[in-house]
Amino acid sequence: MASLEPVVAANPGVLEGLDNYRNLVAAQQPTWPDQAALEEVRQTLAKYPPLVFAGEVDILKDRISQAAQGKAFLLQGGDCAETFVDATADRIRNRVKTLLQMAVVLTYGASMPVIKMGRMAGQFAKPRSSDIETREGLTLPAYRGDAVNGYDFTAEARNPDPKRLLQAYNTSSSTLN
């Protein structure tokens, strides 16, 4: 495939290095009560293989570039927010089947290639506009997704738990396989 000019010029500040993101302010982050446990999980995750490899990202960038030029259609589908309990083989298979069925229709109707991109295997955390939620006089941390805390409105469930980040990695890995 021929090299294509980028659709959007890269920000020189971002190109300074792969670790540049560490200098940026991360908004809407959970308040982790146990910083030592969080750091331990971070160190563990840093040793794990990436869920997506650089070559796969390069291929996707090339394909998205084709869509931006009107030479292909980009179809992205999946849930806005995922839960660990819903990451079953049957549900994943059904989501993929739905995407493939839609792609067949679009390929026929649009007479062009369809880039299929699943929005899955990583939608386990979501930003929240408020750190807290109050119900019937009880104030607890907001639910930020299964990667951070539990959905049930109890102090135990809503306590951010770094071990959930490990479960998010493992569930994402299983989904991708």
Protein backbone atom coordinates (compact mmCIF):
# COMPACT_ATOMS: atom_id res chain seq x y z
CA MET A 1 0.00 0.00 0.00
CA ALA A 2 1.38 3.41 -0.95
CA SER A 3 2.27 5.86 1.78
CA LEU A 4 -0.40 8.50 2.25
CA GLU A 5 -0.09 12.02 3.60
CA PRO A 6 -1.58 12.36 7.08
CA VAL A 7 -5.10 13.73 7.17
CA VAL A 8 -4.24 15.82 10.24
CA ALA A 9 -0.76 17.11 10.99
CA ALA A 10 0.77 15.71 14.17
CA ASN A 11 1.15 18.06 17.12
CA PRO A 12 4.92 18.60 17.59
CA GLY A 13 4.44 18.62 21.37
CA VAL A 14 3.05 15.09 21.23
CA LEU A 15 5.91 13.87 19.09
CA GLU A 16 8.52 14.74 21.73
CA GLY A 17 8.36 11.24 23.11
CA LEU A 18 6.15 8.34 23.96
CA ASP A 19 6.09 9.34 27.61
CA ASN A 20 4.90 12.89 26.91
CA TYR A 21 1.44 11.92 28.16
CA ARG A 22 2.86 11.77 31.68
CA ASN A 23 3.24 15.58 31.59
CA LEU A 24 -0.42 16.15 30.72
CA VAL A 25 -3.13 16.71 33.30
CA ALA A 26 -5.53 13.78 33.52
CA ALA A 27 -8.99 15.11 34.26
CA GLN A 28 -11.85 13.18 35.85
CA GLN A 29 -9.67 10.55 37.50
CA PRO A 30 -10.89 8.38 40.37
CA THR A 31 -9.53 8.98 43.84
CA TRP A 32 -7.67 5.78 44.66
CA PRO A 33 -7.67 5.35 48.47
CA ASP A 34 -4.64 3.02 48.45
CA GLN A 35 -1.87 4.61 46.39
CA ALA A 36 0.59 1.82 47.21
CA ALA A 37 -1.82 -0.81 45.85
CA LEU A 38 -2.40 1.32 42.74
CA GLU A 39 1.34 1.61 42.12
CA GLU A 40 1.77 -2.14 42.56
CA VAL A 41 -0.93 -2.77 39.95
CA ARG A 42 0.65 -0.21 37.60
CA GLN A 43 3.98 -1.99 37.88
CA THR A 44 2.32 -5.35 37.23
CA LEU A 45 0.47 -4.04 34.17
CA ALA A 46 3.67 -2.48 32.84
CA LYS A 47 5.15 -6.00 32.62
CA TYR A 48 2.20 -7.41 30.64
CA PRO A 49 2.25 -7.56 26.86
CA PRO A 50 0.28 -4.89 25.03
CA LEU A 51 -3.28 -5.76 24.12
CA VAL A 52 -2.76 -4.27 20.66
CA PHE A 53 0.57 -4.30 18.85
CA ALA A 54 2.16 -1.42 16.92
CA GLY A 55 1.79 -3.19 13.58
CA GLU A 56 -1.95 -3.56 14.14
CA VAL A 57 -2.22 0.15 14.94
CA ASP A 58 -0.31 1.02 11.76
CA ILE A 59 -2.66 -1.11 9.66
CA LEU A 60 -5.70 0.53 11.27
CA LYS A 61 -4.27 4.01 10.68
CA ASP A 62 -3.79 3.18 7.00
CA ARG A 63 -7.34 1.87 6.74
CA ILE A 64 -8.84 4.88 8.52
CA SER A 65 -6.87 7.09 6.15
CA GLN A 66 -8.61 5.30 3.28
CA ALA A 67 -11.98 6.07 4.88
CA ALA A 68 -11.03 9.72 5.38
CA GLN A 69 -10.29 9.92 1.66
CA GLY A 70 -13.66 8.40 0.76
CA LYS A 71 -12.12 5.15 -0.49
CA ALA A 72 -13.62 3.00 2.28
CA PHE A 73 -16.41 3.11 4.86
CA LEU A 74 -15.58 2.95 8.58
CA LEU A 75 -18.03 0.89 10.64
CA GLN A 76 -17.51 1.05 14.39
CA GLY A 77 -19.84 -0.77 16.74
CA GLY A 78 -20.07 -1.92 20.31
CA ASP A 79 -21.22 -0.84 23.73
CA CYS A 80 -20.47 2.58 25.17
CA ALA A 81 -19.73 0.94 28.51
CA GLU A 82 -18.87 -2.71 29.13
CA THR A 83 -19.17 -4.80 32.26
CA PHE A 84 -17.10 -7.79 33.25
CA VAL A 85 -20.19 -9.96 33.63
CA ASP A 86 -21.27 -9.25 30.03
CA ALA A 87 -17.91 -10.27 28.53
CA THR A 88 -19.05 -13.80 27.74
CA ALA A 89 -18.19 -15.81 24.64
CA ASP A 90 -21.81 -15.76 23.44
CA ARG A 91 -22.25 -12.01 23.84
CA ILE A 92 -18.89 -11.23 22.22
CA ARG A 93 -19.65 -13.59 19.33
CA ASN A 94 -23.05 -11.95 18.82
CA ARG A 95 -21.54 -8.45 18.74
CA VAL A 96 -18.99 -9.55 16.16
CA LYS A 97 -21.72 -11.26 14.11
CA THR A 98 -23.78 -8.09 14.13
CA LEU A 99 -20.82 -6.03 12.92
CA LEU A 100 -20.10 -8.52 10.15
CA GLN A 101 -23.74 -8.58 9.05
CA MET A 102 -23.83 -4.79 8.93
CA ALA A 103 -20.57 -4.77 6.96
CA VAL A 104 -22.02 -7.11 4.32
CA VAL A 105 -24.99 -4.79 3.81
CA LEU A 106 -22.77 -1.70 3.68
CA THR A 107 -20.28 -3.32 1.31
CA TYR A 108 -23.08 -4.18 -1.08
CA GLY A 109 -24.87 -0.84 -0.71
CA ALA A 110 -21.83 1.43 -0.78
CA SER A 111 -19.82 -0.59 -3.31
CA MET A 112 -16.64 0.03 -1.36
CA PRO A 113 -14.58 -1.73 1.29
CA VAL A 114 -15.87 -1.56 4.86
CA ILE A 115 -13.42 -1.20 7.73
CA LYS A 116 -14.86 -3.11 10.67
CA MET A 117 -13.85 -1.81 14.09
CA GLY A 118 -15.29 -3.26 17.27
CA ARG A 119 -15.76 -0.99 20.24
CA MET A 120 -15.12 -3.70 22.78
CA ALA A 121 -12.40 -5.09 25.01
CA GLY A 122 -11.70 -1.88 26.83
CA GLN A 123 -14.83 0.12 27.62
CA PHE A 124 -14.63 -0.79 31.31
CA ALA A 125 -14.08 2.71 32.70
CA LYS A 126 -15.86 5.98 32.07
CA PRO A 127 -15.28 9.56 33.16
CA ARG A 128 -17.85 11.14 35.42
CA SER A 129 -18.71 14.80 35.81
CA SER A 130 -18.96 14.35 39.58
CA ASP A 131 -16.77 12.33 41.92
CA ILE A 132 -19.74 11.51 44.15
CA GLU A 133 -23.33 10.34 43.93
CA THR A 134 -25.97 10.90 46.60
CA ARG A 135 -29.07 8.76 47.06
CA GLU A 136 -31.52 9.10 49.94
CA GLY A 137 -28.98 11.07 51.98
CA LEU A 138 -26.11 8.62 51.42
CA THR A 139 -23.10 9.98 49.50
CA LEU A 140 -20.68 7.54 47.87
CA PRO A 141 -18.07 7.65 45.11
CA ALA A 142 -19.60 7.71 41.62
CA TYR A 143 -19.61 4.49 39.64
CA ARG A 144 -16.77 4.85 37.12
CA GLY A 145 -17.03 1.48 35.43
CA ASP A 146 -16.02 -2.04 36.37
CA ALA A 147 -12.31 -1.23 35.91
CA VAL A 148 -12.53 1.14 38.88
CA ASN A 149 -15.39 0.19 41.20
CA GLY A 150 -18.63 -1.73 41.48
CA TYR A 151 -22.08 -0.63 40.32
CA ASP A 152 -23.97 -1.50 43.52
CA PHE A 153 -24.67 1.55 45.65
CA THR A 154 -22.77 0.38 48.73
CA ALA A 155 -19.61 1.72 50.34
CA GLU A 156 -17.80 -1.54 49.66
CA ALA A 157 -18.75 -1.72 45.97
CA ARG A 158 -18.08 1.94 45.26
CA ASN A 159 -14.61 1.94 46.81
CA PRO A 160 -12.10 2.24 43.91
CA ASP A 161 -10.07 -0.97 43.79
CA PRO A 162 -6.87 -1.11 41.68
CA LYS A 163 -7.19 -4.91 41.35
CA ARG A 164 -10.10 -4.21 39.02
CA LEU A 165 -7.57 -2.78 36.55
CA LEU A 166 -5.97 -6.21 36.36
CA GLN A 167 -9.37 -7.78 35.76
CA ALA A 168 -10.02 -5.21 33.02
CA TYR A 169 -6.75 -6.17 31.31
CA ASN A 170 -7.54 -9.89 31.56
CA THR A 171 -11.12 -9.45 30.36
CA SER A 172 -9.96 -7.28 27.46
CA SER A 173 -7.34 -9.87 26.55
CA SER A 174 -9.93 -12.65 26.59
CA THR A 175 -12.29 -10.59 24.43
CA LEU A 176 -9.60 -9.89 21.85
CA ASN A 177 -8.75 -13.58 21.61
